[in-house]
N, C-alpha and C. Protein backbone atom coordinates (compact mmCIF):
# COMPACT_ATOMS: atom_id res chain seq x y z
N UNK A 1 175.83 94.54 84.33
CA UNK A 1 174.89 94.30 85.26
C UNK A 1 173.98 93.56 86.02
N UNK A 2 173.05 93.00 84.94
CA UNK A 2 172.15 91.97 84.55
C UNK A 2 172.75 90.89 85.93
N UNK A 3 173.77 90.50 85.18
CA UNK A 3 174.64 89.20 85.35
C UNK A 3 175.20 89.29 86.86
N UNK A 4 175.60 90.04 87.02
CA UNK A 4 176.19 90.40 88.40
C UNK A 4 174.98 90.20 89.42
N UNK A 5 173.73 91.26 89.24
CA UNK A 5 172.78 90.79 90.01
C UNK A 5 172.34 89.40 90.25
N UNK A 6 172.34 88.56 89.17
CA UNK A 6 171.83 87.38 88.73
C UNK A 6 172.69 86.19 89.58
N UNK A 7 174.16 86.61 89.72
CA UNK A 7 175.32 85.85 90.23
C UNK A 7 174.81 86.12 91.91
N UNK A 8 174.49 87.23 92.02
CA UNK A 8 174.49 87.81 93.68
C UNK A 8 172.98 87.11 94.43
N UNK A 9 171.89 86.83 93.52
CA UNK A 9 170.67 86.44 93.90
C UNK A 9 171.09 84.82 93.89
N UNK A 10 171.74 84.60 93.44
CA UNK A 10 171.96 82.70 93.07
C UNK A 10 172.83 82.32 94.17
N UNK A 11 173.81 82.77 94.40
CA UNK A 11 174.96 82.63 95.29
C UNK A 11 174.10 82.69 96.84
N UNK A 12 173.21 83.83 96.89
CA UNK A 12 172.45 83.84 98.03
C UNK A 12 171.22 82.69 98.30
N UNK A 13 170.58 82.01 96.99
CA UNK A 13 169.64 81.26 97.29
C UNK A 13 168.85 81.91 96.85
N UNK A 14 168.57 83.06 96.44
CA UNK A 14 166.99 83.95 96.63
C UNK A 14 166.74 84.06 95.24
N UNK A 15 165.14 84.32 95.21
CA UNK A 15 164.74 84.87 94.21
C UNK A 15 163.47 86.12 94.71
N UNK A 16 163.17 86.85 93.89
CA UNK A 16 162.48 87.98 93.90
C UNK A 16 160.71 87.49 93.89
N UNK A 17 160.13 87.77 94.79
CA UNK A 17 159.92 88.42 95.76
C UNK A 17 160.78 87.63 96.93
N UNK A 18 161.75 88.58 97.86
CA UNK A 18 162.83 87.77 98.76
C UNK A 18 161.92 86.64 99.86
N UNK A 19 161.90 85.63 100.21
CA UNK A 19 161.72 85.17 101.43
C UNK A 19 162.55 85.29 102.21
N UNK A 20 162.45 86.12 103.38
CA UNK A 20 163.57 86.48 104.01
C UNK A 20 163.88 85.07 105.04
N UNK A 21 163.14 84.21 105.23
CA UNK A 21 163.05 83.51 106.13
C UNK A 21 163.75 82.00 105.85
N UNK A 22 163.82 81.98 104.31
CA UNK A 22 164.59 80.91 103.78
C UNK A 22 165.85 81.15 103.38
N UNK A 23 166.46 82.34 103.82
CA UNK A 23 167.72 82.82 104.01
C UNK A 23 168.61 82.48 104.78
N UNK A 24 169.66 81.42 104.62
CA UNK A 24 171.11 80.75 105.94
C UNK A 24 171.22 82.06 106.55
N UNK A 25 171.96 83.11 105.76
CA UNK A 25 172.21 84.06 106.78
C UNK A 25 171.50 85.59 106.59
N UNK A 26 171.38 85.97 107.54
CA UNK A 26 170.75 87.03 107.62
C UNK A 26 170.82 87.66 109.15
N UNK A 27 170.35 89.01 108.93
CA UNK A 27 170.18 89.83 110.40
C UNK A 27 169.07 90.55 110.08
N UNK A 28 168.43 90.86 110.92
CA UNK A 28 167.12 92.13 111.22
C UNK A 28 167.82 93.19 112.26
N UNK A 29 167.91 94.04 111.92
CA UNK A 29 168.34 95.44 112.74
C UNK A 29 167.16 96.46 112.82
N UNK A 30 166.95 96.50 114.06
CA UNK A 30 165.84 97.48 114.69
C UNK A 30 166.24 98.77 114.89
N UNK A 31 166.03 99.65 113.62
CA UNK A 31 166.75 101.26 113.65
C UNK A 31 166.13 102.10 114.73
N UNK A 32 164.80 101.98 114.86
CA UNK A 32 164.46 102.86 115.88
C UNK A 32 162.84 102.37 116.45
N UNK A 33 162.62 102.39 117.58
CA UNK A 33 161.38 101.84 118.30
C UNK A 33 160.04 102.27 117.79
N UNK A 34 159.95 103.49 117.74
CA UNK A 34 158.76 104.37 117.34
C UNK A 34 159.26 106.06 116.51
N UNK A 35 158.13 105.83 115.72
CA UNK A 35 158.09 107.18 114.71
C UNK A 35 158.31 108.20 115.57
N UNK A 36 158.32 108.35 116.75
CA UNK A 36 158.82 109.60 117.48
C UNK A 36 160.51 109.89 117.84
N UNK A 37 161.33 108.45 117.73
CA UNK A 37 162.62 108.70 117.60
C UNK A 37 163.00 108.56 116.22
N UNK A 38 162.52 108.64 115.33
CA UNK A 38 162.52 108.80 113.79
C UNK A 38 164.10 109.39 113.60
N UNK A 39 164.40 110.51 114.51
CA UNK A 39 166.29 110.79 113.95
C UNK A 39 167.33 110.18 114.65
N UNK A 40 166.53 109.17 115.82
CA UNK A 40 167.96 108.04 116.19
C UNK A 40 167.43 107.05 114.79
N UNK A 41 166.47 106.85 114.45
CA UNK A 41 166.37 106.09 113.29
C UNK A 41 167.20 106.16 112.02
N UNK A 42 166.90 107.77 111.85
CA UNK A 42 167.58 108.06 110.62
C UNK A 42 169.34 107.80 110.71
N UNK A 43 169.77 108.37 111.92
CA UNK A 43 171.04 108.41 112.25
C UNK A 43 171.78 106.94 112.13
N UNK A 44 171.05 105.79 112.83
CA UNK A 44 171.29 104.44 112.86
C UNK A 44 171.15 103.50 111.36
N UNK A 45 170.23 103.99 110.72
CA UNK A 45 169.98 103.76 108.98
C UNK A 45 171.42 104.29 108.40
N UNK A 46 171.75 105.45 108.36
CA UNK A 46 172.71 105.98 107.32
C UNK A 46 174.14 105.01 107.96
N UNK A 47 174.42 104.95 109.25
CA UNK A 47 175.74 104.50 109.87
C UNK A 47 175.47 103.05 109.25
N UNK A 48 174.59 102.20 109.73
CA UNK A 48 174.26 100.75 108.92
C UNK A 48 174.65 100.77 107.42
N UNK A 49 174.21 101.69 106.71
CA UNK A 49 174.39 101.74 104.84
C UNK A 49 175.80 101.91 104.90
N UNK A 50 176.37 102.75 105.46
CA UNK A 50 177.76 103.24 105.43
C UNK A 50 178.75 101.99 105.36
N UNK A 51 178.26 100.90 106.17
CA UNK A 51 179.15 99.92 106.44
C UNK A 51 179.34 98.91 105.38
N UNK A 52 178.72 99.47 104.37
CA UNK A 52 178.72 98.62 102.60
C UNK A 52 179.24 99.36 102.10
N UNK A 53 179.52 98.72 100.57
CA UNK A 53 179.70 99.29 99.69
C UNK A 53 179.09 99.04 98.20
N UNK A 54 177.58 99.39 98.13
CA UNK A 54 176.88 99.13 97.52
C UNK A 54 176.90 99.66 95.78
N UNK A 55 177.33 98.57 95.13
CA UNK A 55 177.13 98.55 93.50
C UNK A 55 175.96 98.61 92.88
N UNK A 56 174.83 98.41 93.23
CA UNK A 56 173.84 98.25 92.63
C UNK A 56 172.72 98.47 93.21
N UNK A 57 171.40 99.03 92.55
CA UNK A 57 170.31 99.55 93.55
C UNK A 57 168.94 98.94 92.34
N UNK A 58 168.10 98.07 93.02
CA UNK A 58 166.87 97.38 92.26
C UNK A 58 165.75 98.03 92.77
N UNK A 59 165.14 98.08 92.04
CA UNK A 59 163.23 98.91 92.53
C UNK A 59 162.71 98.37 91.81
N UNK A 60 161.61 97.54 92.63
CA UNK A 60 160.58 96.73 91.64
C UNK A 60 159.33 97.35 91.77
N UNK A 61 158.33 97.43 90.92
CA UNK A 61 156.74 97.93 90.67
C UNK A 61 156.31 97.01 90.03
N UNK A 62 154.99 96.42 90.91
CA UNK A 62 154.20 95.24 90.91
C UNK A 62 152.75 95.58 90.29
N UNK A 63 152.32 94.97 89.67
CA UNK A 63 150.81 95.37 89.39
C UNK A 63 150.02 93.88 89.07
N UNK A 64 148.39 93.94 89.09
CA UNK A 64 147.85 92.64 88.62
C UNK A 64 148.11 92.84 87.15
N UNK A 65 148.08 91.79 86.50
CA UNK A 65 148.19 90.95 85.39
C UNK A 65 146.48 90.71 84.96
N UNK A 66 145.74 91.70 84.83
CA UNK A 66 144.43 91.65 84.25
C UNK A 66 144.22 92.56 83.83
N UNK A 67 143.41 91.98 82.34
CA UNK A 67 143.32 93.27 81.01
C UNK A 67 142.32 94.27 81.60
N UNK A 68 141.38 94.05 82.44
CA UNK A 68 140.40 94.99 83.11
C UNK A 68 140.82 96.44 84.09
N UNK A 69 141.95 95.45 84.64
CA UNK A 69 142.56 96.70 85.60
C UNK A 69 143.82 96.97 85.24
N UNK A 70 144.62 96.19 84.02
CA UNK A 70 146.05 96.64 84.03
C UNK A 70 146.23 97.96 83.83
N UNK A 71 145.15 99.06 82.92
CA UNK A 71 145.87 100.42 82.90
C UNK A 71 146.15 100.94 83.80
N UNK A 72 144.94 101.13 85.16
CA UNK A 72 144.75 101.63 86.47
C UNK A 72 146.10 101.30 87.16
N UNK A 73 146.21 100.10 87.31
CA UNK A 73 147.75 99.80 88.02
C UNK A 73 149.08 100.28 87.36
N UNK A 74 148.86 99.72 86.01
CA UNK A 74 150.02 100.68 85.63
C UNK A 74 150.72 102.05 85.43
N UNK A 75 149.60 102.67 85.49
CA UNK A 75 149.25 104.20 85.99
C UNK A 75 150.46 104.37 87.47
N UNK A 76 149.21 103.80 88.04
CA UNK A 76 149.66 104.01 89.60
C UNK A 76 151.07 103.77 89.74
N UNK A 77 151.53 102.44 89.35
CA UNK A 77 152.96 101.92 89.25
C UNK A 77 153.91 102.83 88.63
N UNK A 78 153.76 103.17 87.82
CA UNK A 78 154.68 104.59 87.07
C UNK A 78 154.93 105.84 87.77
N UNK A 79 153.75 105.93 88.48
CA UNK A 79 153.55 106.93 89.72
C UNK A 79 154.58 106.69 90.53
N UNK A 80 154.18 105.69 90.82
CA UNK A 80 155.37 105.21 92.30
C UNK A 80 156.61 105.60 91.76
N UNK A 81 157.17 104.89 90.44
CA UNK A 81 158.52 104.85 89.69
C UNK A 81 159.03 106.38 90.09
N UNK A 82 157.98 106.95 89.19
CA UNK A 82 158.41 108.63 89.16
C UNK A 82 158.75 108.97 90.60
N UNK A 83 158.16 108.94 91.68
CA UNK A 83 158.25 109.33 92.92
C UNK A 83 159.48 109.23 93.56
N UNK A 84 159.79 107.62 93.50
CA UNK A 84 160.95 106.99 94.14
C UNK A 84 162.08 107.74 93.11
N UNK A 85 161.93 107.77 92.00
CA UNK A 85 163.17 108.59 90.94
C UNK A 85 163.31 109.98 91.94
N UNK A 86 162.32 110.62 91.74
CA UNK A 86 162.35 112.06 91.92
C UNK A 86 163.19 112.34 93.73
N UNK A 87 162.23 111.38 94.56
CA UNK A 87 162.99 111.18 95.81
C UNK A 87 164.68 111.13 96.20
N UNK A 88 164.78 110.11 95.09
CA UNK A 88 166.50 109.39 95.39
C UNK A 88 167.42 110.44 94.38
N UNK A 89 166.48 111.23 93.89
CA UNK A 89 167.20 111.95 92.76
C UNK A 89 168.23 111.32 91.31
N UNK A 90 167.32 110.12 91.35
CA UNK A 90 168.28 109.31 90.23
C UNK A 90 167.67 109.53 88.77
N UNK A 91 168.93 109.04 87.91
CA UNK A 91 168.57 109.33 86.36
C UNK A 91 167.82 108.41 85.85
N UNK A 92 167.58 107.83 84.49
CA UNK A 92 166.88 107.00 83.65
C UNK A 92 167.75 105.45 84.54
N UNK A 93 167.16 104.46 84.90
CA UNK A 93 168.06 103.15 85.00
C UNK A 93 168.98 102.68 83.89
N UNK A 94 169.53 101.90 84.33
CA UNK A 94 170.63 101.40 83.66
C UNK A 94 170.02 99.94 82.70
N UNK A 95 169.01 99.65 83.62
CA UNK A 95 168.58 98.05 82.89
C UNK A 95 167.29 98.15 83.36
N UNK A 96 166.47 97.50 82.67
CA UNK A 96 164.92 96.86 83.13
C UNK A 96 165.05 95.70 82.98
N UNK A 97 163.74 95.35 83.61
CA UNK A 97 163.45 93.31 83.31
C UNK A 97 161.68 93.49 83.38
N UNK A 98 161.05 93.01 82.97
CA UNK A 98 159.89 92.80 83.10
C UNK A 98 159.46 91.19 83.39
N UNK A 99 158.80 90.84 84.17
CA UNK A 99 158.55 89.15 84.60
C UNK A 99 156.88 89.30 84.94
N UNK A 100 156.31 88.14 84.30
CA UNK A 100 155.18 87.67 84.60
C UNK A 100 154.86 86.55 85.92
N UNK A 101 154.35 86.55 86.79
CA UNK A 101 154.68 85.63 87.62
C UNK A 101 153.16 85.24 88.21
N UNK A 102 153.02 84.02 89.04
CA UNK A 102 151.78 83.85 90.15
C UNK A 102 152.20 84.48 91.38
N UNK A 103 151.28 84.85 92.50
CA UNK A 103 151.85 84.89 93.45
C UNK A 103 151.45 83.75 94.20
N UNK A 104 151.47 83.84 95.88
CA UNK A 104 151.32 82.63 96.55
C UNK A 104 149.66 82.28 96.69
N UNK A 105 148.68 83.45 95.96
CA UNK A 105 147.46 82.96 96.09
C UNK A 105 147.10 82.54 94.75
N UNK A 106 147.97 82.35 93.70
CA UNK A 106 147.62 82.08 92.42
C UNK A 106 147.30 82.83 91.36
N UNK A 107 147.34 84.12 92.20
CA UNK A 107 147.15 85.60 91.02
C UNK A 107 148.04 85.88 90.03
N UNK A 108 147.62 86.16 88.97
CA UNK A 108 148.67 86.50 87.92
C UNK A 108 149.06 87.84 87.94
N UNK A 109 150.17 88.05 88.26
CA UNK A 109 150.88 89.33 88.48
C UNK A 109 152.19 89.76 87.50
N UNK A 110 152.12 91.12 87.22
CA UNK A 110 153.80 91.59 86.53
C UNK A 110 154.18 92.06 87.20
N UNK A 111 155.66 92.08 87.03
CA UNK A 111 156.75 92.89 87.89
C UNK A 111 157.50 93.69 86.97
N UNK A 112 157.87 94.75 87.13
CA UNK A 112 158.76 95.36 86.28
C UNK A 112 160.35 95.68 87.29
N UNK A 113 161.51 95.14 87.18
CA UNK A 113 162.40 95.77 87.85
C UNK A 113 163.52 96.57 87.60
N UNK A 114 163.81 97.56 87.90
CA UNK A 114 164.55 98.74 87.28
C UNK A 114 165.86 98.79 88.09
N UNK A 115 167.11 98.54 87.64
CA UNK A 115 168.57 98.36 87.88
C UNK A 115 169.39 99.87 87.60
N UNK A 116 170.00 100.32 88.64
CA UNK A 116 171.00 101.57 88.53
C UNK A 116 172.11 100.98 88.83
N UNK A 117 173.08 101.28 88.11
CA UNK A 117 174.66 101.22 88.41
C UNK A 117 174.98 102.28 89.56
N UNK A 118 175.37 102.22 91.22
CA UNK A 118 175.21 102.68 92.02
C UNK A 118 176.95 103.93 91.76
N UNK A 119 177.55 103.22 90.72
CA UNK A 119 178.96 103.97 90.36
C UNK A 119 178.85 105.24 89.56
N UNK A 120 177.52 105.06 88.48
CA UNK A 120 177.37 106.17 88.01
C UNK A 120 175.76 106.84 88.24
N UNK A 121 175.20 106.41 89.06
CA UNK A 121 174.07 106.97 89.83
C UNK A 121 174.24 107.00 91.34
N UNK A 122 174.24 108.51 92.09
CA UNK A 122 174.78 108.46 92.96
C UNK A 122 172.93 108.60 93.78
N UNK A 123 172.60 107.74 94.95
CA UNK A 123 170.83 108.07 95.29
C UNK A 123 171.25 109.10 96.52
N UNK A 124 170.43 109.52 96.72
CA UNK A 124 169.99 110.41 97.72
C UNK A 124 169.55 109.47 99.35
N UNK A 125 170.37 108.80 99.65
CA UNK A 125 170.21 107.95 100.61
C UNK A 125 169.51 108.68 101.69
N UNK A 126 169.91 109.95 102.44
CA UNK A 126 169.22 110.33 103.52
C UNK A 126 167.80 110.81 103.48
N UNK A 127 167.39 111.50 101.98
CA UNK A 127 165.93 111.77 101.44
C UNK A 127 165.08 110.40 101.88
N UNK A 128 165.75 109.16 101.04
CA UNK A 128 165.11 108.07 100.93
C UNK A 128 164.53 107.45 102.41
N UNK A 129 165.69 107.66 103.25
CA UNK A 129 165.36 106.94 104.61
C UNK A 129 164.59 107.53 105.24
N UNK A 130 164.55 108.97 105.21
CA UNK A 130 163.58 109.99 105.85
C UNK A 130 162.27 109.34 105.30
N UNK A 131 161.69 109.08 103.79
CA UNK A 131 160.48 109.03 103.53
C UNK A 131 160.13 107.71 103.84
N UNK A 132 160.92 106.74 104.20
CA UNK A 132 160.89 105.47 104.96
C UNK A 132 160.46 105.62 106.28
N UNK A 133 160.75 106.32 107.15
CA UNK A 133 160.73 106.50 108.20
C UNK A 133 159.64 107.08 108.69
N UNK A 134 158.92 107.83 107.69
CA UNK A 134 157.73 108.69 107.89
C UNK A 134 156.27 108.09 107.42
N UNK A 135 156.73 106.38 107.08
CA UNK A 135 155.43 105.64 106.48
C UNK A 135 154.23 105.83 107.11
N UNK A 136 154.59 106.15 108.49
CA UNK A 136 153.10 106.16 109.56
C UNK A 136 152.68 107.74 109.38
N UNK A 137 153.35 108.50 108.43
CA UNK A 137 153.19 110.12 108.40
C UNK A 137 152.82 110.47 107.30
N UNK A 138 152.06 109.62 106.24
CA UNK A 138 152.06 109.93 104.83
C UNK A 138 153.73 109.59 104.06
N UNK A 139 154.21 108.58 104.67
CA UNK A 139 155.42 108.11 103.73
C UNK A 139 155.15 107.36 102.32
N UNK A 140 155.99 107.24 101.72
CA UNK A 140 156.00 106.17 100.93
C UNK A 140 156.01 104.58 101.28
N UNK A 141 154.86 104.37 101.35
CA UNK A 141 154.98 102.65 101.45
C UNK A 141 155.91 102.02 100.65
N UNK A 142 155.61 102.19 99.11
CA UNK A 142 156.25 101.01 98.38
C UNK A 142 157.78 101.20 98.55
N UNK A 143 158.56 101.98 99.32
CA UNK A 143 159.67 102.01 99.08
C UNK A 143 160.52 101.38 99.68
N UNK A 144 160.00 100.71 101.02
CA UNK A 144 160.79 99.67 101.91
C UNK A 144 160.35 98.59 101.19
N UNK A 145 159.42 98.05 100.59
CA UNK A 145 159.04 96.74 100.31
C UNK A 145 159.45 96.39 98.66
N UNK A 146 160.40 97.53 98.12
CA UNK A 146 160.40 97.25 96.68
C UNK A 146 162.03 97.58 96.66
N UNK A 147 162.28 98.10 97.58
CA UNK A 147 163.96 98.36 97.23
C UNK A 147 164.91 97.90 98.07
N UNK A 148 166.16 97.25 96.99
CA UNK A 148 167.53 96.51 97.17
C UNK A 148 168.51 97.29 96.81
N UNK A 149 169.17 97.28 97.92
CA UNK A 149 170.64 97.62 97.47
C UNK A 149 171.58 96.73 97.50
N UNK A 150 172.19 96.47 96.44
CA UNK A 150 173.57 94.91 96.61
C UNK A 150 174.87 95.54 96.67
N UNK A 151 175.63 94.52 97.26
CA UNK A 151 176.95 94.72 96.85
C UNK A 151 177.53 93.35 95.99
N UNK A 152 177.16 93.78 94.89
CA UNK A 152 177.60 92.14 93.97
C UNK A 152 179.15 91.57 93.91
N UNK A 153 179.93 92.52 94.71
CA UNK A 153 181.30 91.84 94.89
C UNK A 153 181.22 90.91 96.14
N UNK A 154 180.64 91.56 97.06
CA UNK A 154 180.43 90.26 98.33
C UNK A 154 179.15 89.97 98.15
N UNK A 155 178.04 89.78 97.46
CA UNK A 155 176.95 89.24 97.52
C UNK A 155 176.28 89.42 99.09
N UNK A 156 175.94 90.66 98.91
CA UNK A 156 175.01 91.63 99.65
C UNK A 156 173.83 92.00 99.80
N UNK A 157 172.92 91.69 100.24
CA UNK A 157 171.77 92.40 99.98
C UNK A 157 170.97 93.16 101.29
N UNK A 158 170.75 94.40 100.87
CA UNK A 158 170.31 95.16 101.78
C UNK A 158 168.83 95.73 101.62
N UNK A 159 168.14 96.13 102.53
CA UNK A 159 166.56 96.43 102.55
C UNK A 159 166.05 96.63 103.58
N UNK A 160 165.39 97.65 103.48
CA UNK A 160 164.40 98.21 104.47
C UNK A 160 163.32 97.66 104.72
N UNK A 161 163.03 96.68 105.43
CA UNK A 161 161.89 95.57 105.64
C UNK A 161 160.67 96.61 106.03
N UNK A 162 160.50 97.47 106.48
CA UNK A 162 159.44 98.60 106.78
C UNK A 162 160.17 99.54 107.51
N UNK A 163 159.36 100.31 108.02
CA UNK A 163 159.40 101.60 108.69
C UNK A 163 160.61 101.73 109.88
N UNK A 164 160.66 100.41 110.54
CA UNK A 164 161.80 100.28 111.61
C UNK A 164 162.78 99.46 111.43
N UNK A 165 162.82 98.72 110.67
CA UNK A 165 163.55 97.28 110.18
C UNK A 165 164.38 97.11 109.20
N UNK A 166 165.97 97.05 109.15
CA UNK A 166 166.65 96.75 108.04
C UNK A 166 166.92 95.17 108.05
N UNK A 167 167.05 94.61 107.06
CA UNK A 167 167.23 93.35 106.80
C UNK A 167 168.76 93.30 105.89
N UNK A 168 169.56 92.18 106.22
CA UNK A 168 170.67 92.19 105.28
C UNK A 168 170.96 90.69 105.56
N UNK A 169 171.22 90.21 104.00
CA UNK A 169 171.15 89.00 103.76
C UNK A 169 173.00 88.96 102.99
N UNK A 170 173.26 87.97 103.62
CA UNK A 170 175.12 87.50 103.03
C UNK A 170 175.24 86.34 102.66
N UNK A 171 176.29 86.03 102.01
CA UNK A 171 177.03 84.62 101.74
C UNK A 171 177.85 84.59 102.63
N UNK A 172 178.60 85.75 102.90
CA UNK A 172 179.94 85.49 104.28
C UNK A 172 179.40 85.87 105.36
N UNK A 173 179.42 84.91 106.46
CA UNK A 173 179.11 85.07 107.61
C UNK A 173 179.88 86.29 108.22
N UNK A 174 181.04 86.27 107.85
CA UNK A 174 181.99 87.52 108.65
C UNK A 174 181.58 88.81 108.15
N UNK A 175 180.83 89.21 107.34
CA UNK A 175 180.10 90.52 106.89
C UNK A 175 179.34 90.58 108.00
N UNK A 176 178.37 89.66 108.10
CA UNK A 176 177.32 90.20 109.18
C UNK A 176 177.78 89.98 110.69
N UNK A 177 178.84 89.51 110.99
CA UNK A 177 179.03 89.49 112.16
C UNK A 177 179.94 90.30 112.61
N UNK A 178 180.82 91.43 112.10
CA UNK A 178 181.12 93.05 111.98
C UNK A 178 179.99 93.62 112.36
N UNK A 179 178.72 93.45 111.72
CA UNK A 179 177.77 94.16 111.68
C UNK A 179 177.36 94.20 113.21
N UNK A 180 176.95 93.02 113.26
CA UNK A 180 176.41 92.42 114.66
C UNK A 180 176.95 92.95 116.01
N UNK A 181 178.69 92.84 115.61
CA UNK A 181 179.20 93.46 116.84
C UNK A 181 179.17 95.03 116.97
N UNK A 182 179.11 95.83 116.16
CA UNK A 182 178.91 97.20 115.97
C UNK A 182 177.36 97.46 116.62
N UNK A 183 176.54 96.47 116.25
CA UNK A 183 175.02 97.02 116.45
C UNK A 183 174.45 95.98 117.15
N UNK A 184 175.03 95.37 118.41
CA UNK A 184 174.59 94.34 118.88
C UNK A 184 173.09 94.70 119.88
N UNK A 185 173.00 95.93 120.37
CA UNK A 185 171.83 96.28 120.87
C UNK A 185 170.82 96.52 120.06
N UNK A 186 170.84 96.66 118.62
CA UNK A 186 169.85 96.41 118.34
C UNK A 186 169.24 95.53 117.04
N UNK A 187 169.76 94.42 117.30
CA UNK A 187 169.80 93.18 116.73
C UNK A 187 168.57 92.56 117.14
N UNK A 188 167.41 92.59 116.05
CA UNK A 188 166.63 91.75 117.13
C UNK A 188 166.52 90.26 116.58
N UNK A 189 167.21 89.98 115.55
CA UNK A 189 167.28 88.58 115.16
C UNK A 189 168.06 88.27 113.89
N UNK A 190 168.95 87.05 114.19
CA UNK A 190 170.07 86.99 113.19
C UNK A 190 169.57 85.28 112.81
N UNK A 191 170.45 84.89 111.73
CA UNK A 191 170.54 83.22 111.36
C UNK A 191 171.65 83.27 110.73
N UNK A 192 172.80 82.72 111.31
CA UNK A 192 174.12 82.32 110.93
C UNK A 192 174.78 81.54 111.94
């Protein structure tokens, strides 16, 4: 699994955190225009998600790597991970990876990536999307910025960019063109 994910990122020319603007082939889809239309957003998000065959789920928790605040940050991160797993009804991750890096402000941070094989772990995607759509109404903020669905066979990365937008990165333009054709009325940005 680790090698499949690594190969997908390499093929797409991306690293975590993803700089979506540097990717050659991507689309941005607006699923709903405001929180009042969350039912429409939920329906659109589920339809778009079901256009793909995702085999891997990656969830990232991130915290400051500062000895003074590490415990509090780590405790909060574990709470975030547990809530995510509860919402999605996920079992123990198949794989974990820890990295230390410096952010764009040169601040040392630590990230732990959790990987699930979706052939053995079924995610409760409807509950997950509902939680994202309610970000403005006490929803779970960390969900959208930390969660990636991958199709490692076709090298596709799918993420909920925020509570209204989906980002899809892909190596083969044809996979994006199919989605663009189906959802042309809600595509807000594309690059391919």
